[in-house]
């Protein structure tokens, strides 16, 4: 798998995104051809079966790659994004979150989240975006405080029946690494971050800052 670079064309997430990307005059011909070739393998729908909402006019997509359904770190992280979702929407950011779990396992965790969750059990999107995995996801000492906070949040909810525990052997394993991408409406990668451990991801403040920076600086294009 190869990582995506800033300024290249991202694999489209949906037929609408693919159409926008393909018709964009700013995308390079070679990158567009590559994205179009993989479009059928990366079309995504939400866990409810609905298509992804359109990107706001002139807006951006923050695409998050998470781990498995019920991951305590992921749950804690996404609740923070849910609380501040009005700020993201005001900034013109469409939030899309991908997990490598089946839709039936992921669907219960969608309650209360005001943005789209996408199940990708075959990890097509993970491969298309070059998202990685490795033991460092859990062995890096920097992730341990986040594990403790996430577990401390989840255990009382599970005991009260308000949250499902994760599968004992989640599909795709527990060693996935997160990744974040900020995508323009015409399909370019405005910014990308590949996590070095399971809690190495953009905060809401970072996403808002990147979105604001994009408004003042054009994205460099690469062929």
N, C-alpha and C. Protein backbone atom coordinates (compact mmCIF):
# COMPACT_ATOMS: atom_id res chain seq x y z
N UNK A 1 0.84 -1.19 0.00
CA UNK A 1 0.00 0.00 0.00
C UNK A 1 0.88 1.24 0.00
N UNK A 2 0.46 2.24 -0.77
CA UNK A 2 1.20 3.50 -0.79
C UNK A 2 0.36 4.60 -0.18
N UNK A 3 1.01 5.50 0.51
CA UNK A 3 0.32 6.62 1.15
C UNK A 3 -0.06 7.67 0.11
N UNK A 4 -1.17 8.36 0.39
CA UNK A 4 -1.59 9.45 -0.48
C UNK A 4 -0.85 10.72 -0.11
N UNK A 5 -0.48 11.48 -1.11
CA UNK A 5 0.22 12.74 -0.88
C UNK A 5 -0.73 13.92 -1.02
N UNK A 6 -0.42 14.99 -0.32
CA UNK A 6 -1.19 16.22 -0.48
C UNK A 6 -1.13 16.68 -1.93
N UNK A 7 -2.28 17.05 -2.46
CA UNK A 7 -2.35 17.54 -3.82
C UNK A 7 -2.71 16.49 -4.84
N UNK A 8 -2.71 15.21 -4.45
CA UNK A 8 -3.12 14.16 -5.38
C UNK A 8 -4.63 13.94 -5.28
N UNK A 9 -5.17 13.20 -6.23
CA UNK A 9 -6.60 12.92 -6.24
C UNK A 9 -6.90 11.71 -5.39
N UNK A 10 -7.87 11.85 -4.48
CA UNK A 10 -8.23 10.76 -3.58
C UNK A 10 -9.22 9.82 -4.25
N UNK A 11 -9.18 8.54 -3.91
CA UNK A 11 -10.23 7.62 -4.40
C UNK A 11 -11.59 8.13 -3.95
N UNK A 12 -12.58 8.19 -4.85
CA UNK A 12 -13.90 8.71 -4.47
C UNK A 12 -14.60 7.80 -3.48
N UNK A 13 -15.39 8.40 -2.62
CA UNK A 13 -16.13 7.64 -1.61
C UNK A 13 -17.49 7.19 -2.10
N UNK A 14 -18.06 7.90 -3.06
CA UNK A 14 -19.41 7.61 -3.52
C UNK A 14 -19.52 7.98 -4.98
N UNK A 15 -20.57 7.53 -5.66
CA UNK A 15 -20.75 7.92 -7.06
C UNK A 15 -20.79 9.43 -7.25
N UNK A 16 -21.40 10.15 -6.30
CA UNK A 16 -21.45 11.61 -6.40
C UNK A 16 -20.06 12.20 -6.31
N UNK A 17 -19.27 11.71 -5.36
CA UNK A 17 -17.90 12.20 -5.23
C UNK A 17 -17.10 11.87 -6.48
N UNK A 18 -17.31 10.67 -7.04
CA UNK A 18 -16.58 10.26 -8.24
C UNK A 18 -16.89 11.18 -9.40
N UNK A 19 -18.17 11.55 -9.54
CA UNK A 19 -18.56 12.44 -10.63
C UNK A 19 -17.93 13.80 -10.47
N UNK A 20 -17.93 14.32 -9.23
CA UNK A 20 -17.34 15.62 -8.98
C UNK A 20 -15.85 15.60 -9.28
N UNK A 21 -15.18 14.52 -8.83
CA UNK A 21 -13.74 14.42 -9.04
C UNK A 21 -13.41 14.32 -10.52
N UNK A 22 -14.16 13.47 -11.24
CA UNK A 22 -13.84 13.23 -12.63
C UNK A 22 -14.03 14.48 -13.48
N UNK A 23 -15.02 15.31 -13.13
CA UNK A 23 -15.30 16.49 -13.94
C UNK A 23 -14.51 17.70 -13.50
N UNK A 24 -13.71 17.58 -12.44
CA UNK A 24 -12.95 18.72 -11.97
C UNK A 24 -11.84 19.08 -12.95
N UNK A 25 -11.74 20.34 -13.27
CA UNK A 25 -10.71 20.77 -14.21
C UNK A 25 -9.36 20.87 -13.54
N UNK A 26 -9.32 20.89 -12.21
CA UNK A 26 -8.06 21.11 -11.52
C UNK A 26 -7.31 19.82 -11.25
N UNK A 27 -8.00 18.65 -11.27
CA UNK A 27 -7.33 17.39 -10.99
C UNK A 27 -6.48 16.98 -12.17
N UNK A 28 -5.33 16.37 -11.91
CA UNK A 28 -4.45 15.94 -12.99
C UNK A 28 -5.04 14.74 -13.70
N UNK A 29 -4.72 14.58 -15.00
CA UNK A 29 -5.32 13.52 -15.79
C UNK A 29 -4.93 12.14 -15.27
N UNK A 30 -3.68 11.95 -14.90
CA UNK A 30 -3.24 10.63 -14.46
C UNK A 30 -3.86 10.26 -13.13
N UNK A 31 -3.96 11.22 -12.22
CA UNK A 31 -4.55 10.92 -10.91
C UNK A 31 -6.03 10.64 -11.05
N UNK A 32 -6.70 11.40 -11.95
CA UNK A 32 -8.12 11.18 -12.15
C UNK A 32 -8.38 9.80 -12.72
N UNK A 33 -7.56 9.37 -13.66
CA UNK A 33 -7.73 8.04 -14.24
C UNK A 33 -7.56 6.96 -13.20
N UNK A 34 -6.58 7.15 -12.31
CA UNK A 34 -6.35 6.17 -11.25
C UNK A 34 -7.54 6.10 -10.31
N UNK A 35 -8.08 7.27 -9.93
CA UNK A 35 -9.22 7.30 -9.01
C UNK A 35 -10.45 6.68 -9.67
N UNK A 36 -10.67 6.98 -10.97
CA UNK A 36 -11.84 6.44 -11.66
C UNK A 36 -11.77 4.93 -11.74
N UNK A 37 -10.57 4.40 -11.92
CA UNK A 37 -10.42 2.96 -12.04
C UNK A 37 -10.78 2.25 -10.75
N UNK A 38 -10.58 2.92 -9.61
CA UNK A 38 -10.86 2.29 -8.33
C UNK A 38 -12.22 2.68 -7.77
N UNK A 39 -12.98 3.52 -8.51
CA UNK A 39 -14.23 4.05 -7.96
C UNK A 39 -15.20 2.94 -7.60
N UNK A 40 -15.33 1.92 -8.46
CA UNK A 40 -16.30 0.87 -8.18
C UNK A 40 -15.95 0.08 -6.94
N UNK A 41 -14.67 0.07 -6.55
CA UNK A 41 -14.23 -0.68 -5.39
C UNK A 41 -14.34 0.13 -4.11
N UNK A 42 -14.58 1.45 -4.22
CA UNK A 42 -14.55 2.29 -3.03
C UNK A 42 -15.86 3.03 -2.79
N UNK A 43 -16.92 2.74 -3.57
CA UNK A 43 -18.20 3.37 -3.30
C UNK A 43 -18.64 3.01 -1.88
N UNK A 44 -19.09 4.00 -1.13
CA UNK A 44 -19.42 3.77 0.28
C UNK A 44 -20.83 4.22 0.58
N UNK A 45 -21.50 3.49 1.47
CA UNK A 45 -22.80 3.90 2.01
C UNK A 45 -22.68 3.85 3.52
N UNK A 46 -23.59 4.54 4.19
CA UNK A 46 -23.56 4.57 5.64
C UNK A 46 -24.11 3.26 6.20
N UNK A 47 -23.92 3.06 7.51
CA UNK A 47 -24.39 1.82 8.13
C UNK A 47 -25.91 1.72 8.13
N UNK A 48 -26.61 2.83 7.88
CA UNK A 48 -28.06 2.80 7.77
C UNK A 48 -28.52 2.40 6.37
N UNK A 49 -27.57 2.29 5.44
CA UNK A 49 -27.90 1.98 4.06
C UNK A 49 -28.12 3.20 3.21
N UNK A 50 -28.08 4.37 3.82
CA UNK A 50 -28.27 5.62 3.07
C UNK A 50 -26.96 6.03 2.40
N UNK A 51 -27.05 6.74 1.27
CA UNK A 51 -25.83 7.24 0.64
C UNK A 51 -25.21 8.33 1.50
N UNK A 52 -23.94 8.60 1.27
CA UNK A 52 -23.30 9.68 1.98
C UNK A 52 -23.94 11.01 1.62
N UNK A 53 -24.06 11.93 2.57
CA UNK A 53 -24.59 13.25 2.24
C UNK A 53 -23.62 13.97 1.32
N UNK A 54 -24.10 14.90 0.51
CA UNK A 54 -23.20 15.60 -0.41
C UNK A 54 -22.24 16.52 0.36
N UNK A 55 -21.12 16.81 -0.26
CA UNK A 55 -20.19 17.77 0.31
C UNK A 55 -20.81 19.15 0.22
N UNK A 56 -20.75 19.98 1.27
CA UNK A 56 -21.28 21.34 1.16
C UNK A 56 -20.61 22.09 0.01
N UNK A 57 -21.35 22.99 -0.62
CA UNK A 57 -20.80 23.76 -1.73
C UNK A 57 -19.52 24.46 -1.30
N UNK A 58 -18.43 24.16 -2.02
CA UNK A 58 -17.15 24.76 -1.67
C UNK A 58 -16.57 24.22 -0.38
N UNK A 59 -17.15 23.14 0.13
CA UNK A 59 -16.74 22.62 1.43
C UNK A 59 -15.67 21.55 1.33
N UNK A 60 -15.48 20.86 2.45
CA UNK A 60 -14.43 19.87 2.60
C UNK A 60 -15.00 18.60 3.24
N UNK A 61 -14.30 17.51 3.08
CA UNK A 61 -14.63 16.27 3.78
C UNK A 61 -13.49 15.90 4.71
N UNK A 62 -13.81 15.69 5.99
CA UNK A 62 -12.83 15.11 6.90
C UNK A 62 -13.13 13.62 6.96
N UNK A 63 -12.24 12.84 6.38
CA UNK A 63 -12.39 11.39 6.33
C UNK A 63 -11.51 10.76 7.39
N UNK A 64 -12.15 10.08 8.34
CA UNK A 64 -11.42 9.39 9.41
C UNK A 64 -11.44 7.89 9.18
N UNK A 65 -10.30 7.25 9.32
CA UNK A 65 -10.24 5.79 9.35
C UNK A 65 -10.00 5.37 10.80
N UNK A 66 -10.98 4.65 11.34
CA UNK A 66 -10.90 4.18 12.72
C UNK A 66 -10.53 2.69 12.72
N UNK A 67 -10.79 2.03 13.82
CA UNK A 67 -10.39 0.64 13.98
C UNK A 67 -11.62 -0.27 13.92
N UNK A 68 -12.01 -0.87 15.00
CA UNK A 68 -13.13 -1.83 14.99
C UNK A 68 -14.30 -1.28 15.79
N UNK A 69 -15.49 -1.76 15.51
CA UNK A 69 -16.69 -1.34 16.23
C UNK A 69 -16.53 -1.62 17.72
N UNK A 70 -16.80 -0.61 18.54
CA UNK A 70 -16.66 -0.76 19.98
C UNK A 70 -15.29 -0.43 20.51
N UNK A 71 -14.36 -0.08 19.65
CA UNK A 71 -13.02 0.31 20.10
C UNK A 71 -13.14 1.46 21.10
N UNK A 72 -12.69 1.28 22.35
CA UNK A 72 -12.87 2.33 23.36
C UNK A 72 -12.21 3.65 22.97
N UNK A 73 -11.03 3.59 22.35
CA UNK A 73 -10.36 4.82 21.94
C UNK A 73 -11.20 5.55 20.89
N UNK A 74 -11.71 4.78 19.93
CA UNK A 74 -12.52 5.37 18.86
C UNK A 74 -13.80 5.98 19.41
N UNK A 75 -14.48 5.26 20.29
CA UNK A 75 -15.72 5.77 20.87
C UNK A 75 -15.50 7.09 21.58
N UNK A 76 -14.47 7.16 22.39
CA UNK A 76 -14.17 8.38 23.13
C UNK A 76 -13.86 9.52 22.16
N UNK A 77 -13.07 9.24 21.15
CA UNK A 77 -12.68 10.25 20.18
C UNK A 77 -13.88 10.79 19.42
N UNK A 78 -14.77 9.91 18.98
CA UNK A 78 -15.90 10.34 18.16
C UNK A 78 -16.94 11.09 18.97
N UNK A 79 -17.05 10.79 20.25
CA UNK A 79 -18.00 11.56 21.08
C UNK A 79 -17.56 13.02 21.14
N UNK A 80 -16.25 13.25 21.17
CA UNK A 80 -15.77 14.63 21.14
C UNK A 80 -16.13 15.32 19.83
N UNK A 81 -16.05 14.61 18.72
CA UNK A 81 -16.45 15.18 17.44
C UNK A 81 -17.95 15.41 17.38
N UNK A 82 -18.73 14.54 18.02
CA UNK A 82 -20.18 14.71 18.03
C UNK A 82 -20.58 15.99 18.76
N UNK A 83 -19.94 16.24 19.90
CA UNK A 83 -20.26 17.43 20.69
C UNK A 83 -19.99 18.71 19.90
N UNK A 84 -18.91 18.68 19.11
CA UNK A 84 -18.51 19.89 18.38
C UNK A 84 -18.87 19.85 16.91
N UNK A 85 -19.77 18.95 16.55
CA UNK A 85 -20.16 18.84 15.15
C UNK A 85 -20.75 20.13 14.58
N UNK A 86 -21.52 20.92 15.35
CA UNK A 86 -22.02 22.19 14.79
C UNK A 86 -20.89 23.11 14.32
N UNK A 87 -19.76 23.09 15.02
CA UNK A 87 -18.63 23.91 14.58
C UNK A 87 -18.06 23.42 13.25
N UNK A 88 -17.98 22.12 13.11
CA UNK A 88 -17.48 21.54 11.86
C UNK A 88 -18.42 21.85 10.70
N UNK A 89 -19.71 21.72 10.96
CA UNK A 89 -20.68 22.01 9.91
C UNK A 89 -20.64 23.48 9.51
N UNK A 90 -20.48 24.35 10.50
CA UNK A 90 -20.38 25.78 10.22
C UNK A 90 -19.15 26.09 9.38
N UNK A 91 -18.10 25.30 9.57
CA UNK A 91 -16.87 25.48 8.79
C UNK A 91 -16.94 24.82 7.42
N UNK A 92 -18.08 24.21 7.09
CA UNK A 92 -18.24 23.58 5.79
C UNK A 92 -17.56 22.24 5.67
N UNK A 93 -17.44 21.51 6.78
CA UNK A 93 -16.75 20.23 6.79
C UNK A 93 -17.76 19.08 6.91
N UNK A 94 -17.73 18.18 5.94
CA UNK A 94 -18.52 16.95 6.01
C UNK A 94 -17.68 15.89 6.72
N UNK A 95 -18.23 15.32 7.75
CA UNK A 95 -17.52 14.31 8.54
C UNK A 95 -17.93 12.91 8.08
N UNK A 96 -16.95 12.07 7.74
CA UNK A 96 -17.19 10.68 7.34
C UNK A 96 -16.20 9.79 8.09
N UNK A 97 -16.70 8.74 8.74
CA UNK A 97 -15.87 7.89 9.58
C UNK A 97 -15.99 6.44 9.10
N UNK A 98 -14.85 5.80 8.87
CA UNK A 98 -14.82 4.44 8.35
C UNK A 98 -14.28 3.48 9.41
N UNK A 99 -14.92 2.32 9.55
CA UNK A 99 -14.47 1.25 10.43
C UNK A 99 -14.29 -0.02 9.60
N UNK A 100 -13.39 -0.92 10.03
CA UNK A 100 -13.24 -2.18 9.32
C UNK A 100 -14.08 -3.29 9.95
N UNK A 101 -15.27 -2.93 10.43
CA UNK A 101 -16.21 -3.89 11.01
C UNK A 101 -17.43 -4.01 10.12
N UNK A 102 -18.16 -5.14 10.20
CA UNK A 102 -19.41 -5.28 9.44
C UNK A 102 -20.45 -4.28 9.92
N UNK A 103 -21.39 -3.95 9.04
CA UNK A 103 -22.40 -2.94 9.37
C UNK A 103 -23.24 -3.33 10.58
N UNK A 104 -23.57 -4.62 10.73
CA UNK A 104 -24.42 -5.01 11.85
C UNK A 104 -23.71 -4.85 13.19
N UNK A 105 -22.39 -4.96 13.21
CA UNK A 105 -21.63 -4.72 14.44
C UNK A 105 -21.47 -3.24 14.70
N UNK A 106 -21.36 -2.46 13.64
CA UNK A 106 -21.09 -1.03 13.78
C UNK A 106 -22.34 -0.21 14.05
N UNK A 107 -23.48 -0.68 13.54
CA UNK A 107 -24.71 0.11 13.59
C UNK A 107 -25.11 0.56 15.00
N UNK A 108 -25.00 -0.31 16.04
CA UNK A 108 -25.40 0.16 17.38
C UNK A 108 -24.59 1.34 17.90
N UNK A 109 -23.39 1.51 17.40
CA UNK A 109 -22.54 2.60 17.88
C UNK A 109 -22.82 3.91 17.15
N UNK A 110 -23.71 3.89 16.16
CA UNK A 110 -24.03 5.10 15.41
C UNK A 110 -25.01 6.00 16.16
N UNK A 111 -25.69 5.46 17.17
CA UNK A 111 -26.66 6.25 17.92
C UNK A 111 -25.99 7.47 18.55
N UNK A 112 -26.58 8.62 18.31
CA UNK A 112 -26.07 9.85 18.91
C UNK A 112 -24.94 10.50 18.14
N UNK A 113 -24.51 9.88 17.05
CA UNK A 113 -23.44 10.49 16.25
C UNK A 113 -24.08 11.20 15.05
N UNK A 114 -23.86 12.50 14.91
CA UNK A 114 -24.54 13.28 13.87
C UNK A 114 -23.82 13.28 12.53
N UNK A 115 -22.99 12.27 12.30
CA UNK A 115 -22.29 12.18 11.02
C UNK A 115 -22.28 10.73 10.55
N UNK A 116 -21.76 10.51 9.35
CA UNK A 116 -21.88 9.21 8.70
C UNK A 116 -20.80 8.23 9.16
N UNK A 117 -21.24 7.00 9.47
CA UNK A 117 -20.33 5.89 9.73
C UNK A 117 -20.41 4.93 8.55
N UNK A 118 -19.26 4.48 8.09
CA UNK A 118 -19.18 3.58 6.94
C UNK A 118 -18.51 2.28 7.38
N UNK A 119 -19.15 1.16 7.10
CA UNK A 119 -18.57 -0.15 7.39
C UNK A 119 -17.79 -0.62 6.16
N UNK A 120 -16.54 -1.00 6.39
CA UNK A 120 -15.68 -1.47 5.30
C UNK A 120 -14.98 -2.75 5.73
N UNK A 121 -15.77 -3.83 5.94
CA UNK A 121 -15.16 -5.07 6.45
C UNK A 121 -14.14 -5.69 5.51
N UNK A 122 -14.25 -5.42 4.22
CA UNK A 122 -13.27 -5.94 3.27
C UNK A 122 -12.05 -5.03 3.14
N UNK A 123 -12.10 -3.89 3.83
CA UNK A 123 -10.98 -2.93 3.90
C UNK A 123 -10.56 -2.42 2.52
N UNK A 124 -11.52 -2.26 1.64
CA UNK A 124 -11.20 -1.70 0.32
C UNK A 124 -10.74 -0.26 0.42
N UNK A 125 -11.48 0.52 1.22
CA UNK A 125 -11.09 1.92 1.39
C UNK A 125 -9.75 2.03 2.11
N UNK A 126 -9.52 1.15 3.07
CA UNK A 126 -8.24 1.17 3.80
C UNK A 126 -7.08 0.97 2.83
N UNK A 127 -7.23 0.01 1.92
CA UNK A 127 -6.16 -0.23 0.95
C UNK A 127 -6.03 0.92 -0.04
N UNK A 128 -7.18 1.45 -0.49
CA UNK A 128 -7.15 2.53 -1.47
C UNK A 128 -6.46 3.78 -0.92
N UNK A 129 -6.61 4.01 0.39
CA UNK A 129 -6.02 5.19 1.02
C UNK A 129 -4.68 4.90 1.70
N UNK A 130 -4.22 3.66 1.60
CA UNK A 130 -2.91 3.33 2.17
C UNK A 130 -2.87 3.31 3.68
N UNK A 131 -4.01 3.03 4.32
CA UNK A 131 -4.07 3.01 5.79
C UNK A 131 -3.39 1.75 6.30
N UNK A 132 -2.63 1.90 7.37
CA UNK A 132 -1.72 0.84 7.82
C UNK A 132 -2.19 0.18 9.11
N UNK A 133 -1.48 -0.86 9.51
CA UNK A 133 -1.72 -1.57 10.76
C UNK A 133 -0.37 -2.03 11.30
N UNK A 134 -0.34 -2.35 12.60
CA UNK A 134 0.91 -2.83 13.18
C UNK A 134 0.81 -2.88 14.69
N UNK A 135 1.71 -3.62 15.31
CA UNK A 135 1.69 -3.79 16.76
C UNK A 135 1.88 -2.48 17.49
N UNK A 136 2.52 -1.51 16.83
CA UNK A 136 2.74 -0.21 17.49
C UNK A 136 1.43 0.50 17.80
N UNK A 137 0.33 0.04 17.18
CA UNK A 137 -0.98 0.63 17.49
C UNK A 137 -1.26 0.59 18.98
N UNK A 138 -0.86 -0.50 19.65
CA UNK A 138 -1.14 -0.67 21.07
C UNK A 138 0.12 -0.68 21.94
N UNK A 139 1.29 -0.91 21.34
CA UNK A 139 2.52 -1.02 22.14
C UNK A 139 3.21 0.30 22.36
N UNK A 140 2.87 1.30 21.57
CA UNK A 140 3.47 2.62 21.78
C UNK A 140 2.97 3.19 23.12
N UNK A 141 3.86 3.52 24.05
CA UNK A 141 3.41 4.02 25.36
C UNK A 141 2.53 5.25 25.30
N UNK A 142 2.62 6.02 24.22
CA UNK A 142 1.80 7.24 24.12
C UNK A 142 0.32 6.93 23.99
N UNK A 143 -0.03 5.70 23.61
CA UNK A 143 -1.44 5.37 23.46
C UNK A 143 -2.06 4.90 24.77
N UNK A 144 -1.26 4.49 25.72
CA UNK A 144 -1.79 3.88 26.94
C UNK A 144 -2.74 4.78 27.74
N UNK A 145 -2.45 6.07 27.91
CA UNK A 145 -3.44 6.91 28.62
C UNK A 145 -4.80 6.95 27.92
N UNK A 146 -4.79 6.97 26.59
CA UNK A 146 -6.06 7.00 25.85
C UNK A 146 -6.81 5.68 26.01
N UNK A 147 -6.08 4.57 26.06
CA UNK A 147 -6.73 3.27 26.31
C UNK A 147 -7.43 3.28 27.66
N UNK A 148 -6.73 3.78 28.68
CA UNK A 148 -7.32 3.81 30.02
C UNK A 148 -8.55 4.71 30.06
N UNK A 149 -8.48 5.89 29.44
CA UNK A 149 -9.63 6.79 29.43
C UNK A 149 -10.80 6.18 28.67
N UNK A 150 -10.51 5.54 27.54
CA UNK A 150 -11.57 4.94 26.75
C UNK A 150 -12.25 3.79 27.47
N UNK A 151 -11.46 2.93 28.09
CA UNK A 151 -12.02 1.80 28.83
C UNK A 151 -12.82 2.30 30.04
N UNK A 152 -12.29 3.32 30.72
CA UNK A 152 -13.00 3.87 31.89
C UNK A 152 -14.35 4.44 31.48
N UNK A 153 -14.44 5.00 30.29
CA UNK A 153 -15.72 5.53 29.81
C UNK A 153 -16.66 4.40 29.42
N UNK A 154 -16.15 3.36 28.76
CA UNK A 154 -17.00 2.33 28.18
C UNK A 154 -17.54 1.34 29.20
N UNK A 155 -16.75 0.97 30.20
CA UNK A 155 -17.17 -0.09 31.13
C UNK A 155 -18.49 0.23 31.82
N UNK A 156 -18.68 1.43 32.40
CA UNK A 156 -19.98 1.72 33.04
C UNK A 156 -21.14 1.66 32.06
N UNK A 157 -20.93 2.11 30.83
CA UNK A 157 -22.00 2.09 29.83
C UNK A 157 -22.35 0.66 29.44
N UNK A 158 -21.35 -0.19 29.31
CA UNK A 158 -21.61 -1.59 28.99
C UNK A 158 -22.36 -2.27 30.13
N UNK A 159 -21.95 -2.01 31.37
CA UNK A 159 -22.60 -2.63 32.53
C UNK A 159 -24.05 -2.19 32.67
N UNK A 160 -24.36 -0.97 32.25
CA UNK A 160 -25.74 -0.48 32.32
C UNK A 160 -26.55 -0.85 31.09
N UNK A 161 -25.94 -1.53 30.15
CA UNK A 161 -26.64 -1.92 28.94
C UNK A 161 -26.84 -0.79 27.95
N UNK A 162 -26.10 0.29 28.12
CA UNK A 162 -26.25 1.44 27.23
C UNK A 162 -25.26 1.41 26.07
N UNK A 163 -24.35 0.46 26.09
CA UNK A 163 -23.39 0.33 25.00
C UNK A 163 -23.00 -1.14 24.87
N UNK A 164 -22.84 -1.59 23.64
CA UNK A 164 -22.43 -2.97 23.41
C UNK A 164 -20.93 -3.12 23.59
N UNK A 165 -20.49 -4.22 24.19
CA UNK A 165 -19.04 -4.46 24.24
C UNK A 165 -18.55 -4.82 22.85
N UNK A 166 -17.30 -4.56 22.54
CA UNK A 166 -16.77 -4.96 21.23
C UNK A 166 -16.69 -6.47 21.10
N UNK A 167 -16.63 -6.94 19.88
CA UNK A 167 -16.47 -8.37 19.63
C UNK A 167 -15.16 -8.85 20.25
N UNK A 168 -15.17 -10.07 20.78
CA UNK A 168 -13.95 -10.59 21.40
C UNK A 168 -12.84 -10.77 20.38
N UNK A 169 -13.21 -11.05 19.14
CA UNK A 169 -12.23 -11.19 18.05
C UNK A 169 -12.74 -10.37 16.87
N UNK A 170 -12.54 -9.06 16.92
CA UNK A 170 -13.10 -8.20 15.87
C UNK A 170 -12.50 -8.50 14.50
N UNK A 171 -13.36 -8.41 13.49
CA UNK A 171 -12.90 -8.61 12.12
C UNK A 171 -11.82 -7.57 11.79
N UNK A 172 -10.71 -8.02 11.27
CA UNK A 172 -9.62 -7.11 10.96
C UNK A 172 -8.65 -6.93 12.10
N UNK A 173 -8.98 -7.51 13.28
CA UNK A 173 -8.06 -7.46 14.40
C UNK A 173 -8.08 -6.13 15.15
N UNK A 174 -7.15 -6.03 16.11
CA UNK A 174 -7.08 -4.87 16.99
C UNK A 174 -5.85 -4.00 16.73
N UNK A 175 -5.13 -4.26 15.67
CA UNK A 175 -3.87 -3.56 15.44
C UNK A 175 -3.94 -2.51 14.33
N UNK A 176 -5.15 -2.12 13.97
CA UNK A 176 -5.29 -1.08 12.95
C UNK A 176 -4.81 0.26 13.47
N UNK A 177 -4.28 1.06 12.56
CA UNK A 177 -3.83 2.41 12.87
C UNK A 177 -4.81 3.43 12.27
N UNK A 178 -5.04 4.52 12.96
CA UNK A 178 -5.96 5.53 12.41
C UNK A 178 -5.30 6.34 11.31
N UNK A 179 -6.14 7.01 10.54
CA UNK A 179 -5.65 7.94 9.53
C UNK A 179 -6.72 9.01 9.32
N UNK A 180 -6.27 10.21 8.98
CA UNK A 180 -7.17 11.34 8.74
C UNK A 180 -6.82 11.98 7.40
N UNK A 181 -7.87 12.37 6.68
CA UNK A 181 -7.68 13.06 5.41
C UNK A 181 -8.65 14.24 5.33
N UNK A 182 -8.18 15.34 4.82
CA UNK A 182 -9.04 16.47 4.50
C UNK A 182 -9.10 16.56 2.98
N UNK A 183 -10.30 16.38 2.43
CA UNK A 183 -10.50 16.30 0.99
C UNK A 183 -11.29 17.50 0.50
N UNK A 184 -10.88 18.04 -0.62
CA UNK A 184 -11.62 19.16 -1.21
C UNK A 184 -12.85 18.64 -1.94
N UNK A 185 -13.76 19.55 -2.28
CA UNK A 185 -14.98 19.15 -2.97
C UNK A 185 -14.70 18.56 -4.34
N UNK A 186 -13.55 18.91 -4.94
CA UNK A 186 -13.21 18.35 -6.25
C UNK A 186 -12.27 17.16 -6.14
N UNK A 187 -12.14 16.61 -4.92
CA UNK A 187 -11.47 15.32 -4.76
C UNK A 187 -9.98 15.35 -4.51
N UNK A 188 -9.40 16.50 -4.24
CA UNK A 188 -7.97 16.55 -3.95
C UNK A 188 -7.72 16.34 -2.46
N UNK A 189 -6.56 15.78 -2.15
CA UNK A 189 -6.14 15.63 -0.76
C UNK A 189 -5.53 16.96 -0.31
N UNK A 190 -6.26 17.67 0.56
CA UNK A 190 -5.75 18.95 1.07
C UNK A 190 -4.76 18.73 2.20
N UNK A 191 -4.96 17.66 2.98
CA UNK A 191 -4.05 17.33 4.07
C UNK A 191 -4.26 15.86 4.42
N UNK A 192 -3.22 15.23 4.94
CA UNK A 192 -3.30 13.81 5.31
C UNK A 192 -2.45 13.55 6.54
N UNK A 193 -2.92 12.62 7.36
CA UNK A 193 -2.17 12.23 8.56
C UNK A 193 -2.33 10.73 8.76
N UNK A 194 -1.21 10.02 8.83
CA UNK A 194 -1.21 8.58 9.10
C UNK A 194 -0.73 8.37 10.54
N UNK A 195 -1.59 7.80 11.38
CA UNK A 195 -1.28 7.65 12.79
C UNK A 195 -0.15 6.67 13.06
N UNK A 196 0.65 6.98 14.07
CA UNK A 196 1.73 6.09 14.48
C UNK A 196 1.32 5.16 15.62
N UNK A 197 0.17 5.43 16.24
CA UNK A 197 -0.40 4.55 17.26
C UNK A 197 -1.91 4.76 17.26
N UNK A 198 -2.63 3.99 18.05
CA UNK A 198 -4.09 3.95 17.96
C UNK A 198 -4.77 5.24 18.37
N UNK A 199 -4.07 6.12 19.05
CA UNK A 199 -4.67 7.39 19.47
C UNK A 199 -4.01 8.59 18.79
N UNK A 200 -3.28 8.33 17.71
CA UNK A 200 -2.60 9.40 16.99
C UNK A 200 -3.51 9.86 15.85
N UNK A 201 -4.36 10.82 16.16
CA UNK A 201 -5.36 11.27 15.20
C UNK A 201 -5.59 12.77 15.38
N UNK A 202 -6.20 13.39 14.39
CA UNK A 202 -6.50 14.82 14.48
C UNK A 202 -7.58 15.08 15.53
N UNK A 203 -7.41 16.17 16.23
CA UNK A 203 -8.46 16.66 17.13
C UNK A 203 -9.42 17.55 16.33
N UNK A 204 -10.54 17.90 16.94
CA UNK A 204 -11.48 18.82 16.29
C UNK A 204 -10.78 20.14 15.99
N UNK A 205 -9.99 20.63 16.94
CA UNK A 205 -9.30 21.91 16.72
C UNK A 205 -8.36 21.83 15.52
N UNK A 206 -7.68 20.71 15.35
CA UNK A 206 -6.79 20.56 14.20
C UNK A 206 -7.56 20.56 12.89
N UNK A 207 -8.70 19.87 12.86
CA UNK A 207 -9.52 19.84 11.64
C UNK A 207 -10.01 21.26 11.31
N UNK A 208 -10.48 21.98 12.31
CA UNK A 208 -10.96 23.34 12.06
C UNK A 208 -9.84 24.25 11.58
N UNK A 209 -8.65 24.09 12.16
CA UNK A 209 -7.51 24.90 11.74
C UNK A 209 -7.10 24.58 10.31
N UNK A 210 -7.10 23.30 9.96
CA UNK A 210 -6.76 22.91 8.60
C UNK A 210 -7.79 23.43 7.60
N UNK A 211 -9.07 23.36 7.98
CA UNK A 211 -10.12 23.87 7.11
C UNK A 211 -9.97 25.37 6.89
N UNK A 212 -9.67 26.09 7.97
CA UNK A 212 -9.47 27.54 7.85
C UNK A 212 -8.25 27.85 7.00
N UNK A 213 -7.18 27.07 7.17
CA UNK A 213 -5.98 27.28 6.38
C UNK A 213 -6.21 27.01 4.91
N UNK A 214 -7.04 26.03 4.62
CA UNK A 214 -7.34 25.71 3.22
C UNK A 214 -8.04 26.86 2.53
N UNK A 215 -8.85 27.61 3.28
CA UNK A 215 -9.57 28.73 2.68
C UNK A 215 -8.62 29.83 2.22
N UNK A 216 -7.42 29.88 2.82
CA UNK A 216 -6.49 30.97 2.50
C UNK A 216 -5.30 30.52 1.66
N UNK A 217 -5.11 29.21 1.50
CA UNK A 217 -3.95 28.70 0.74
C UNK A 217 -4.43 27.61 -0.21
N UNK A 218 -4.15 27.74 -1.51
CA UNK A 218 -4.56 26.70 -2.45
C UNK A 218 -3.81 25.41 -2.22
N UNK A 219 -4.42 24.29 -2.63
CA UNK A 219 -3.80 22.99 -2.50
C UNK A 219 -2.84 22.79 -3.68
N UNK A 220 -1.56 22.48 -3.44
CA UNK A 220 -0.67 22.18 -4.56
C UNK A 220 -1.08 20.88 -5.23
N UNK A 221 -0.97 20.82 -6.54
CA UNK A 221 -1.38 19.63 -7.29
C UNK A 221 -0.18 18.86 -7.77
N UNK A 222 -0.29 17.52 -7.72
CA UNK A 222 0.79 16.66 -8.17
C UNK A 222 0.22 15.68 -9.19
N UNK A 223 0.98 15.38 -10.18
CA UNK A 223 0.54 14.43 -11.20
C UNK A 223 0.79 13.02 -10.76
